[in-house]
Amino acid sequence: ALRYAEALDCPRLHAMAGVVPAEADAATREAHRATYIANLRHAA
């Protein structure tokens, strides 16, 4: 995405979060949350 943003002089990029399985339990949802926070910190 940054390769394209540089070429297009695009100042904003949206990181889509993804879908949680419908059958996910509380532990799975917590794993998604922790992954999301860590990935967003790296991306930011």
ModelCIF file with pLDDT and N, C-alpha, C, O atoms, coordinates in Angstrom:
data_MODEL
#
_entry.id   MODEL 
#
_entity.id                         1 
_entity.type                       polymer 
_entity.pdbx_number_of_molecules   1 
#
_entity_poly.entity_id                      1 
_entity_poly.type                           'polypeptide(L)' 
_entity_poly.nstd_linkage                   no 
_entity_poly.nstd_monomer                   no 
_entity_poly.pdbx_seq_one_letter_code       ALRYAEALDCPRLHAMAGVVPAEADAATREAHRATYIANLRHAA 
_entity_poly.pdbx_seq_one_letter_code_can   ALRYAEALDCPRLHAMAGVVPAEADAATREAHRATYIANLRHAA 
_entity_poly.pdbx_strand_id                 A 
#
loop_
_entity_poly_seq.entity_id 
_entity_poly_seq.num 
_entity_poly_seq.mon_id 
_entity_poly_seq.hetero 
1 1  ALA n 
1 2  LEU n 
1 3  ARG n 
1 4  TYR n 
1 5  ALA n 
1 6  GLU n 
1 7  ALA n 
1 8  LEU n 
1 9  ASP n 
1 10 CYS n 
1 11 PRO n 
1 12 ARG n 
1 13 LEU n 
1 14 HIS n 
1 15 ALA n 
1 16 MET n 
1 17 ALA n 
1 18 GLY n 
1 19 VAL n 
1 20 VAL n 
1 21 PRO n 
1 22 ALA n 
1 23 GLU n 
1 24 ALA n 
1 25 ASP n 
1 26 ALA n 
1 27 ALA n 
1 28 THR n 
1 29 ARG n 
1 30 GLU n 
1 31 ALA n 
1 32 HIS n 
1 33 ARG n 
1 34 ALA n 
1 35 THR n 
1 36 TYR n 
1 37 ILE n 
1 38 ALA n 
1 39 ASN n 
1 40 LEU n 
1 41 ARG n 
1 42 HIS n 
1 43 ALA n 
1 44 ALA n 
#
_struct_asym.id          A 
_struct_asym.entity_id   1 
#
loop_
_ma_qa_metric.id 
_ma_qa_metric.mode 
_ma_qa_metric.name 
_ma_qa_metric.software_group_id 
_ma_qa_metric.type 
1 global pLDDT . pLDDT 
2 local  pLDDT . pLDDT 
#
_ma_qa_metric_global.metric_id      1 
_ma_qa_metric_global.metric_value   96.41 
_ma_qa_metric_global.model_id       1 
_ma_qa_metric_global.ordinal_id     1 
#
loop_
_ma_qa_metric_local.label_asym_id 
_ma_qa_metric_local.label_comp_id 
_ma_qa_metric_local.label_seq_id 
_ma_qa_metric_local.metric_id 
_ma_qa_metric_local.metric_value 
_ma_qa_metric_local.model_id 
_ma_qa_metric_local.ordinal_id 
A ALA 1  2 98.00 1 1  
A LEU 2  2 98.00 1 2  
A ARG 3  2 98.00 1 3  
A TYR 4  2 98.00 1 4  
A ALA 5  2 98.00 1 5  
A GLU 6  2 98.00 1 6  
A ALA 7  2 98.00 1 7  
A LEU 8  2 98.00 1 8  
A ASP 9  2 98.00 1 9  
A CYS 10 2 98.00 1 10 
A PRO 11 2 98.00 1 11 
A ARG 12 2 98.00 1 12 
A LEU 13 2 99.00 1 13 
A HIS 14 2 98.00 1 14 
A ALA 15 2 98.00 1 15 
A MET 16 2 98.00 1 16 
A ALA 17 2 98.00 1 17 
A GLY 18 2 98.00 1 18 
A VAL 19 2 97.00 1 19 
A VAL 20 2 96.00 1 20 
A PRO 21 2 90.00 1 21 
A ALA 22 2 87.00 1 22 
A GLU 23 2 87.00 1 23 
A ALA 24 2 89.00 1 24 
A ASP 25 2 92.00 1 25 
A ALA 26 2 94.00 1 26 
A ALA 27 2 94.00 1 27 
A THR 28 2 93.00 1 28 
A ARG 29 2 93.00 1 29 
A GLU 30 2 96.00 1 30 
A ALA 31 2 97.00 1 31 
A HIS 32 2 97.00 1 32 
A ARG 33 2 97.00 1 33 
A ALA 34 2 98.00 1 34 
A THR 35 2 98.00 1 35 
A TYR 36 2 98.00 1 36 
A ILE 37 2 98.00 1 37 
A ALA 38 2 98.00 1 38 
A ASN 39 2 98.00 1 39 
A LEU 40 2 98.00 1 40 
A ARG 41 2 98.00 1 41 
A HIS 42 2 98.00 1 42 
A ALA 43 2 98.00 1 43 
A ALA 44 2 98.00 1 44 
#
loop_
_atom_site.group_PDB 
_atom_site.id 
_atom_site.type_symbol 
_atom_site.label_atom_id 
_atom_site.label_alt_id 
_atom_site.label_comp_id 
_atom_site.label_asym_id 
_atom_site.label_entity_id 
_atom_site.label_seq_id 
_atom_site.pdbx_PDB_ins_code 
_atom_site.Cartn_x 
_atom_site.Cartn_y 
_atom_site.Cartn_z 
_atom_site.occupancy 
_atom_site.B_iso_or_equiv 
_atom_site.pdbx_formal_charge 
_atom_site.auth_seq_id 
_atom_site.auth_comp_id 
_atom_site.auth_asym_id 
_atom_site.auth_atom_id 
_atom_site.pdbx_PDB_model_num 
ATOM 1   N N  . ALA A 1 1  ? 0.826   -1.210  0.000  1.00 98.00 ? 1  ALA A N  1 
ATOM 2   C CA . ALA A 1 1  ? 0.000   0.000   0.000  1.00 98.00 ? 1  ALA A CA 1 
ATOM 3   C C  . ALA A 1 1  ? 0.859   1.258   0.000  1.00 98.00 ? 1  ALA A C  1 
ATOM 4   O O  . ALA A 1 1  ? 0.538   2.224   -0.692 1.00 98.00 ? 1  ALA A O  1 
ATOM 5   N N  . LEU A 1 2  ? 1.932   1.259   0.757  1.00 98.00 ? 2  LEU A N  1 
ATOM 6   C CA . LEU A 1 2  ? 2.804   2.438   0.801  1.00 98.00 ? 2  LEU A CA 1 
ATOM 7   C C  . LEU A 1 2  ? 3.499   2.671   -0.530 1.00 98.00 ? 2  LEU A C  1 
ATOM 8   O O  . LEU A 1 2  ? 3.775   3.817   -0.886 1.00 98.00 ? 2  LEU A O  1 
ATOM 9   N N  . ARG A 1 3  ? 3.788   1.606   -1.273 1.00 98.00 ? 3  ARG A N  1 
ATOM 10  C CA . ARG A 1 3  ? 4.377   1.770   -2.601 1.00 98.00 ? 3  ARG A CA 1 
ATOM 11  C C  . ARG A 1 3  ? 3.416   2.544   -3.502 1.00 98.00 ? 3  ARG A C  1 
ATOM 12  O O  . ARG A 1 3  ? 3.835   3.441   -4.233 1.00 98.00 ? 3  ARG A O  1 
ATOM 13  N N  . TYR A 1 4  ? 2.147   2.203   -3.451 1.00 98.00 ? 4  TYR A N  1 
ATOM 14  C CA . TYR A 1 4  ? 1.148   2.918   -4.241 1.00 98.00 ? 4  TYR A CA 1 
ATOM 15  C C  . TYR A 1 4  ? 0.920   4.330   -3.697 1.00 98.00 ? 4  TYR A C  1 
ATOM 16  O O  . TYR A 1 4  ? 0.789   5.283   -4.465 1.00 98.00 ? 4  TYR A O  1 
ATOM 17  N N  . ALA A 1 5  ? 0.874   4.453   -2.377 1.00 98.00 ? 5  ALA A N  1 
ATOM 18  C CA . ALA A 1 5  ? 0.634   5.778   -1.787 1.00 98.00 ? 5  ALA A CA 1 
ATOM 19  C C  . ALA A 1 5  ? 1.724   6.765   -2.181 1.00 98.00 ? 5  ALA A C  1 
ATOM 20  O O  . ALA A 1 5  ? 1.449   7.942   -2.414 1.00 98.00 ? 5  ALA A O  1 
ATOM 21  N N  . GLU A 1 6  ? 2.947   6.288   -2.254 1.00 98.00 ? 6  GLU A N  1 
ATOM 22  C CA . GLU A 1 6  ? 4.056   7.162   -2.662 1.00 98.00 ? 6  GLU A CA 1 
ATOM 23  C C  . GLU A 1 6  ? 3.865   7.619   -4.105 1.00 98.00 ? 6  GLU A C  1 
ATOM 24  O O  . GLU A 1 6  ? 4.023   8.802   -4.406 1.00 98.00 ? 6  GLU A O  1 
ATOM 25  N N  . ALA A 1 7  ? 3.529   6.702   -4.984 1.00 98.00 ? 7  ALA A N  1 
ATOM 26  C CA . ALA A 1 7  ? 3.361   7.041   -6.398 1.00 98.00 ? 7  ALA A CA 1 
ATOM 27  C C  . ALA A 1 7  ? 2.169   7.961   -6.623 1.00 98.00 ? 7  ALA A C  1 
ATOM 28  O O  . ALA A 1 7  ? 2.204   8.820   -7.504 1.00 98.00 ? 7  ALA A O  1 
ATOM 29  N N  . LEU A 1 8  ? 1.111   7.785   -5.830 1.00 98.00 ? 8  LEU A N  1 
ATOM 30  C CA . LEU A 1 8  ? -0.129  8.534   -6.035 1.00 98.00 ? 8  LEU A CA 1 
ATOM 31  C C  . LEU A 1 8  ? -0.249  9.734   -5.115 1.00 98.00 ? 8  LEU A C  1 
ATOM 32  O O  . LEU A 1 8  ? -1.230  10.473  -5.180 1.00 98.00 ? 8  LEU A O  1 
ATOM 33  N N  . ASP A 1 9  ? 0.746   9.933   -4.254 1.00 98.00 ? 9  ASP A N  1 
ATOM 34  C CA . ASP A 1 9  ? 0.732   11.028  -3.280 1.00 98.00 ? 9  ASP A CA 1 
ATOM 35  C C  . ASP A 1 9  ? -0.559  10.985  -2.462 1.00 98.00 ? 9  ASP A C  1 
ATOM 36  O O  . ASP A 1 9  ? -1.230  12.001  -2.277 1.00 98.00 ? 9  ASP A O  1 
ATOM 37  N N  . CYS A 1 10 ? -0.888  9.799   -1.984 1.00 98.00 ? 10 CYS A N  1 
ATOM 38  C CA . CYS A 1 10 ? -2.129  9.591   -1.234 1.00 98.00 ? 10 CYS A CA 1 
ATOM 39  C C  . CYS A 1 10 ? -1.831  9.680   0.261  1.00 98.00 ? 10 CYS A C  1 
ATOM 40  O O  . CYS A 1 10 ? -1.010  8.912   0.762  1.00 98.00 ? 10 CYS A O  1 
ATOM 41  N N  . PRO A 1 11 ? -2.472  10.589  0.983  1.00 98.00 ? 11 PRO A N  1 
ATOM 42  C CA . PRO A 1 11 ? -2.116  10.817  2.376  1.00 98.00 ? 11 PRO A CA 1 
ATOM 43  C C  . PRO A 1 11 ? -2.780  9.878   3.369  1.00 98.00 ? 11 PRO A C  1 
ATOM 44  O O  . PRO A 1 11 ? -2.365  9.827   4.527  1.00 98.00 ? 11 PRO A O  1 
ATOM 45  N N  . ARG A 1 12 ? -3.815  9.120   2.948  1.00 98.00 ? 12 ARG A N  1 
ATOM 46  C CA . ARG A 1 12 ? -4.594  8.303   3.880  1.00 98.00 ? 12 ARG A CA 1 
ATOM 47  C C  . ARG A 1 12 ? -4.744  6.891   3.356  1.00 98.00 ? 12 ARG A C  1 
ATOM 48  O O  . ARG A 1 12 ? -5.012  6.681   2.173  1.00 98.00 ? 12 ARG A O  1 
ATOM 49  N N  . LEU A 1 13 ? -4.572  5.924   4.241  1.00 99.00 ? 13 LEU A N  1 
ATOM 50  C CA . LEU A 1 13 ? -4.777  4.517   3.907  1.00 99.00 ? 13 LEU A CA 1 
ATOM 51  C C  . LEU A 1 13 ? -5.681  3.892   4.956  1.00 99.00 ? 13 LEU A C  1 
ATOM 52  O O  . LEU A 1 13 ? -5.503  4.107   6.155  1.00 99.00 ? 13 LEU A O  1 
ATOM 53  N N  . HIS A 1 14 ? -6.645  3.121   4.496  1.00 98.00 ? 14 HIS A N  1 
ATOM 54  C CA . HIS A 1 14 ? -7.595  2.462   5.386  1.00 98.00 ? 14 HIS A CA 1 
ATOM 55  C C  . HIS A 1 14 ? -7.227  0.991   5.544  1.00 98.00 ? 14 HIS A C  1 
ATOM 56  O O  . HIS A 1 14 ? -7.088  0.270   4.556  1.00 98.00 ? 14 HIS A O  1 
ATOM 57  N N  . ALA A 1 15 ? -7.070  0.551   6.791  1.00 98.00 ? 15 ALA A N  1 
ATOM 58  C CA . ALA A 1 15 ? -6.793  -0.849  7.096  1.00 98.00 ? 15 ALA A CA 1 
ATOM 59  C C  . ALA A 1 15 ? -8.094  -1.535  7.493  1.00 98.00 ? 15 ALA A C  1 
ATOM 60  O O  . ALA A 1 15 ? -8.615  -1.292  8.581  1.00 98.00 ? 15 ALA A O  1 
ATOM 61  N N  . MET A 1 16 ? -8.615  -2.377  6.632  1.00 98.00 ? 16 MET A N  1 
ATOM 62  C CA . MET A 1 16 ? -9.835  -3.099  6.963  1.00 98.00 ? 16 MET A CA 1 
ATOM 63  C C  . MET A 1 16 ? -9.554  -4.139  8.038  1.00 98.00 ? 16 MET A C  1 
ATOM 64  O O  . MET A 1 16 ? -8.512  -4.795  8.024  1.00 98.00 ? 16 MET A O  1 
ATOM 65  N N  . ALA A 1 17 ? -10.494 -4.284  8.971  1.00 98.00 ? 17 ALA A N  1 
ATOM 66  C CA . ALA A 1 17 ? -10.257 -5.101  10.160 1.00 98.00 ? 17 ALA A CA 1 
ATOM 67  C C  . ALA A 1 17 ? -10.376 -6.588  9.901  1.00 98.00 ? 17 ALA A C  1 
ATOM 68  O O  . ALA A 1 17 ? -9.635  -7.378  10.486 1.00 98.00 ? 17 ALA A O  1 
ATOM 69  N N  . GLY A 1 18 ? -11.296 -6.985  9.035  1.00 98.00 ? 18 GLY A N  1 
ATOM 70  C CA . GLY A 1 18 ? -11.530 -8.397  8.812  1.00 98.00 ? 18 GLY A CA 1 
ATOM 71  C C  . GLY A 1 18 ? -12.762 -8.897  9.530  1.00 98.00 ? 18 GLY A C  1 
ATOM 72  O O  . GLY A 1 18 ? -13.351 -8.199  10.356 1.00 98.00 ? 18 GLY A O  1 
ATOM 73  N N  . VAL A 1 19 ? -13.140 -10.116 9.199  1.00 97.00 ? 19 VAL A N  1 
ATOM 74  C CA . VAL A 1 19 ? -14.364 -10.744 9.696  1.00 97.00 ? 19 VAL A CA 1 
ATOM 75  C C  . VAL A 1 19 ? -14.033 -11.767 10.769 1.00 97.00 ? 19 VAL A C  1 
ATOM 76  O O  . VAL A 1 19 ? -13.096 -12.553 10.628 1.00 97.00 ? 19 VAL A O  1 
ATOM 77  N N  . VAL A 1 20 ? -14.814 -11.749 11.841 1.00 96.00 ? 20 VAL A N  1 
ATOM 78  C CA . VAL A 1 20 ? -14.700 -12.734 12.913 1.00 96.00 ? 20 VAL A CA 1 
ATOM 79  C C  . VAL A 1 20 ? -15.687 -13.865 12.628 1.00 96.00 ? 20 VAL A C  1 
ATOM 80  O O  . VAL A 1 20 ? -16.848 -13.581 12.333 1.00 96.00 ? 20 VAL A O  1 
ATOM 81  N N  . PRO A 1 21 ? -15.280 -15.129 12.702 1.00 90.00 ? 21 PRO A N  1 
ATOM 82  C CA . PRO A 1 21 ? -16.213 -16.236 12.440 1.00 90.00 ? 21 PRO A CA 1 
ATOM 83  C C  . PRO A 1 21 ? -17.455 -16.157 13.329 1.00 90.00 ? 21 PRO A C  1 
ATOM 84  O O  . PRO A 1 21 ? -17.369 -15.799 14.503 1.00 90.00 ? 21 PRO A O  1 
ATOM 85  N N  . ALA A 1 22 ? -18.599 -16.495 12.757 1.00 87.00 ? 22 ALA A N  1 
ATOM 86  C CA . ALA A 1 22 ? -19.853 -16.401 13.501 1.00 87.00 ? 22 ALA A CA 1 
ATOM 87  C C  . ALA A 1 22 ? -19.851 -17.265 14.749 1.00 87.00 ? 22 ALA A C  1 
ATOM 88  O O  . ALA A 1 22 ? -20.505 -16.935 15.738 1.00 87.00 ? 22 ALA A O  1 
ATOM 89  N N  . GLU A 1 23 ? -19.119 -18.368 14.707 1.00 87.00 ? 23 GLU A N  1 
ATOM 90  C CA . GLU A 1 23 ? -19.096 -19.295 15.842 1.00 87.00 ? 23 GLU A CA 1 
ATOM 91  C C  . GLU A 1 23 ? -18.000 -18.966 16.854 1.00 87.00 ? 23 GLU A C  1 
ATOM 92  O O  . GLU A 1 23 ? -17.762 -19.741 17.780 1.00 87.00 ? 23 GLU A O  1 
ATOM 93  N N  . ALA A 1 24 ? -17.332 -17.824 16.685 1.00 89.00 ? 24 ALA A N  1 
ATOM 94  C CA . ALA A 1 24 ? -16.198 -17.486 17.555 1.00 89.00 ? 24 ALA A CA 1 
ATOM 95  C C  . ALA A 1 24 ? -16.630 -17.362 19.014 1.00 89.00 ? 24 ALA A C  1 
ATOM 96  O O  . ALA A 1 24 ? -17.666 -16.768 19.314 1.00 89.00 ? 24 ALA A O  1 
ATOM 97  N N  . ASP A 1 25 ? -15.830 -17.926 19.918 1.00 92.00 ? 25 ASP A N  1 
ATOM 98  C CA . ASP A 1 25 ? -16.090 -17.788 21.347 1.00 92.00 ? 25 ASP A CA 1 
ATOM 99  C C  . ASP A 1 25 ? -15.349 -16.571 21.882 1.00 92.00 ? 25 ASP A C  1 
ATOM 100 O O  . ASP A 1 25 ? -14.691 -15.854 21.126 1.00 92.00 ? 25 ASP A O  1 
ATOM 101 N N  . ALA A 1 26 ? -15.456 -16.341 23.181 1.00 94.00 ? 26 ALA A N  1 
ATOM 102 C CA . ALA A 1 26 ? -14.855 -15.150 23.783 1.00 94.00 ? 26 ALA A CA 1 
ATOM 103 C C  . ALA A 1 26 ? -13.342 -15.137 23.615 1.00 94.00 ? 26 ALA A C  1 
ATOM 104 O O  . ALA A 1 26 ? -12.756 -14.081 23.375 1.00 94.00 ? 26 ALA A O  1 
ATOM 105 N N  . ALA A 1 27 ? -12.707 -16.287 23.735 1.00 94.00 ? 27 ALA A N  1 
ATOM 106 C CA . ALA A 1 27 ? -11.249 -16.344 23.586 1.00 94.00 ? 27 ALA A CA 1 
ATOM 107 C C  . ALA A 1 27 ? -10.822 -15.992 22.164 1.00 94.00 ? 27 ALA A C  1 
ATOM 108 O O  . ALA A 1 27 ? -9.819  -15.308 21.960 1.00 94.00 ? 27 ALA A O  1 
ATOM 109 N N  . THR A 1 28 ? -11.583 -16.458 21.196 1.00 93.00 ? 28 THR A N  1 
ATOM 110 C CA . THR A 1 28 ? -11.265 -16.145 19.797 1.00 93.00 ? 28 THR A CA 1 
ATOM 111 C C  . THR A 1 28 ? -11.432 -14.657 19.525 1.00 93.00 ? 28 THR A C  1 
ATOM 112 O O  . THR A 1 28 ? -10.605 -14.045 18.849 1.00 93.00 ? 28 THR A O  1 
ATOM 113 N N  . ARG A 1 29 ? -12.487 -14.086 20.043 1.00 93.00 ? 29 ARG A N  1 
ATOM 114 C CA . ARG A 1 29 ? -12.716 -12.660 19.844 1.00 93.00 ? 29 ARG A CA 1 
ATOM 115 C C  . ARG A 1 29 ? -11.624 -11.823 20.520 1.00 93.00 ? 29 ARG A C  1 
ATOM 116 O O  . ARG A 1 29 ? -11.216 -10.785 20.000 1.00 93.00 ? 29 ARG A O  1 
ATOM 117 N N  . GLU A 1 30 ? -11.165 -12.279 21.663 1.00 96.00 ? 30 GLU A N  1 
ATOM 118 C CA . GLU A 1 30 ? -10.077 -11.573 22.333 1.00 96.00 ? 30 GLU A CA 1 
ATOM 119 C C  . GLU A 1 30 ? -8.795  -11.677 21.515 1.00 96.00 ? 30 GLU A C  1 
ATOM 120 O O  . GLU A 1 30 ? -8.023  -10.720 21.457 1.00 96.00 ? 30 GLU A O  1 
ATOM 121 N N  . ALA A 1 31 ? -8.560  -12.818 20.888 1.00 97.00 ? 31 ALA A N  1 
ATOM 122 C CA . ALA A 1 31 ? -7.380  -12.971 20.033 1.00 97.00 ? 31 ALA A CA 1 
ATOM 123 C C  . ALA A 1 31 ? -7.454  -12.021 18.849 1.00 97.00 ? 31 ALA A C  1 
ATOM 124 O O  . ALA A 1 31 ? -6.437  -11.456 18.445 1.00 97.00 ? 31 ALA A O  1 
ATOM 125 N N  . HIS A 1 32 ? -8.642  -11.836 18.286 1.00 97.00 ? 32 HIS A N  1 
ATOM 126 C CA . HIS A 1 32 ? -8.816  -10.870 17.192 1.00 97.00 ? 32 HIS A CA 1 
ATOM 127 C C  . HIS A 1 32 ? -8.520  -9.459  17.689 1.00 97.00 ? 32 HIS A C  1 
ATOM 128 O O  . HIS A 1 32 ? -7.855  -8.683  17.003 1.00 97.00 ? 32 HIS A O  1 
ATOM 129 N N  . ARG A 1 33 ? -9.010  -9.131  18.869 1.00 97.00 ? 33 ARG A N  1 
ATOM 130 C CA . ARG A 1 33 ? -8.793  -7.782  19.392 1.00 97.00 ? 33 ARG A CA 1 
ATOM 131 C C  . ARG A 1 33 ? -7.306  -7.520  19.617 1.00 97.00 ? 33 ARG A C  1 
ATOM 132 O O  . ARG A 1 33 ? -6.794  -6.469  19.231 1.00 97.00 ? 33 ARG A O  1 
ATOM 133 N N  . ALA A 1 34 ? -6.617  -8.467  20.237 1.00 98.00 ? 34 ALA A N  1 
ATOM 134 C CA . ALA A 1 34 ? -5.191  -8.282  20.511 1.00 98.00 ? 34 ALA A CA 1 
ATOM 135 C C  . ALA A 1 34 ? -4.385  -8.185  19.217 1.00 98.00 ? 34 ALA A C  1 
ATOM 136 O O  . ALA A 1 34 ? -3.461  -7.378  19.110 1.00 98.00 ? 34 ALA A O  1 
ATOM 137 N N  . THR A 1 35 ? -4.739  -9.004  18.248 1.00 98.00 ? 35 THR A N  1 
ATOM 138 C CA . THR A 1 35 ? -4.061  -8.948  16.947 1.00 98.00 ? 35 THR A CA 1 
ATOM 139 C C  . THR A 1 35 ? -4.303  -7.610  16.269 1.00 98.00 ? 35 THR A C  1 
ATOM 140 O O  . THR A 1 35 ? -3.388  -7.017  15.698 1.00 98.00 ? 35 THR A O  1 
ATOM 141 N N  . TYR A 1 36 ? -5.521  -7.146  16.336 1.00 98.00 ? 36 TYR A N  1 
ATOM 142 C CA . TYR A 1 36 ? -5.893  -5.862  15.722 1.00 98.00 ? 36 TYR A CA 1 
ATOM 143 C C  . TYR A 1 36 ? -5.079  -4.718  16.315 1.00 98.00 ? 36 TYR A C  1 
ATOM 144 O O  . TYR A 1 36 ? -4.531  -3.899  15.578 1.00 98.00 ? 36 TYR A O  1 
ATOM 145 N N  . ILE A 1 37 ? -5.000  -4.658  17.626 1.00 98.00 ? 37 ILE A N  1 
ATOM 146 C CA . ILE A 1 37 ? -4.258  -3.577  18.281 1.00 98.00 ? 37 ILE A CA 1 
ATOM 147 C C  . ILE A 1 37 ? -2.783  -3.641  17.904 1.00 98.00 ? 37 ILE A C  1 
ATOM 148 O O  . ILE A 1 37 ? -2.186  -2.616  17.576 1.00 98.00 ? 37 ILE A O  1 
ATOM 149 N N  . ALA A 1 38 ? -2.192  -4.823  17.945 1.00 98.00 ? 38 ALA A N  1 
ATOM 150 C CA . ALA A 1 38 ? -0.767  -4.962  17.617 1.00 98.00 ? 38 ALA A CA 1 
ATOM 151 C C  . ALA A 1 38 ? -0.496  -4.595  16.165 1.00 98.00 ? 38 ALA A C  1 
ATOM 152 O O  . ALA A 1 38 ? 0.474   -3.900  15.864 1.00 98.00 ? 38 ALA A O  1 
ATOM 153 N N  . ASN A 1 39 ? -1.359  -5.066  15.265 1.00 98.00 ? 39 ASN A N  1 
ATOM 154 C CA . ASN A 1 39 ? -1.159  -4.763  13.849 1.00 98.00 ? 39 ASN A CA 1 
ATOM 155 C C  . ASN A 1 39 ? -1.328  -3.278  13.559 1.00 98.00 ? 39 ASN A C  1 
ATOM 156 O O  . ASN A 1 39 ? -0.582  -2.715  12.759 1.00 98.00 ? 39 ASN A O  1 
ATOM 157 N N  . LEU A 1 40 ? -2.297  -2.642  14.199 1.00 98.00 ? 40 LEU A N  1 
ATOM 158 C CA . LEU A 1 40 ? -2.494  -1.213  13.971 1.00 98.00 ? 40 LEU A CA 1 
ATOM 159 C C  . LEU A 1 40 ? -1.323  -0.398  14.510 1.00 98.00 ? 40 LEU A C  1 
ATOM 160 O O  . LEU A 1 40 ? -0.931  0.598   13.901 1.00 98.00 ? 40 LEU A O  1 
ATOM 161 N N  . ARG A 1 41 ? -0.765  -0.807  15.637 1.00 98.00 ? 41 ARG A N  1 
ATOM 162 C CA . ARG A 1 41 ? 0.412   -0.098  16.150 1.00 98.00 ? 41 ARG A CA 1 
ATOM 163 C C  . ARG A 1 41 ? 1.563   -0.174  15.145 1.00 98.00 ? 41 ARG A C  1 
ATOM 164 O O  . ARG A 1 41 ? 2.240   0.819   14.880 1.00 98.00 ? 41 ARG A O  1 
ATOM 165 N N  . HIS A 1 42 ? 1.768   -1.367  14.594 1.00 98.00 ? 42 HIS A N  1 
ATOM 166 C CA . HIS A 1 42 ? 2.841   -1.512  13.604 1.00 98.00 ? 42 HIS A CA 1 
ATOM 167 C C  . HIS A 1 42 ? 2.543   -0.688  12.349 1.00 98.00 ? 42 HIS A C  1 
ATOM 168 O O  . HIS A 1 42 ? 3.417   0.015   11.841 1.00 98.00 ? 42 HIS A O  1 
ATOM 169 N N  . ALA A 1 43 ? 1.306   -0.777  11.854 1.00 98.00 ? 43 ALA A N  1 
ATOM 170 C CA . ALA A 1 43 ? 0.958   -0.059  10.633 1.00 98.00 ? 43 ALA A CA 1 
ATOM 171 C C  . ALA A 1 43 ? 1.059   1.445   10.822 1.00 98.00 ? 43 ALA A C  1 
ATOM 172 O O  . ALA A 1 43 ? 1.562   2.149   9.947  1.00 98.00 ? 43 ALA A O  1 
ATOM 173 N N  . ALA A 1 44 ? 0.583   1.945   11.962 1.00 98.00 ? 44 ALA A N  1 
ATOM 174 C CA . ALA A 1 44 ? 0.650   3.386   12.220 1.00 98.00 ? 44 ALA A CA 1 
ATOM 175 C C  . ALA A 1 44 ? 2.095   3.854   12.256 1.00 98.00 ? 44 ALA A C  1 
ATOM 176 O O  . ALA A 1 44 ? 2.354   5.040   12.461 1.00 98.00 ? 44 ALA A O  1 
#
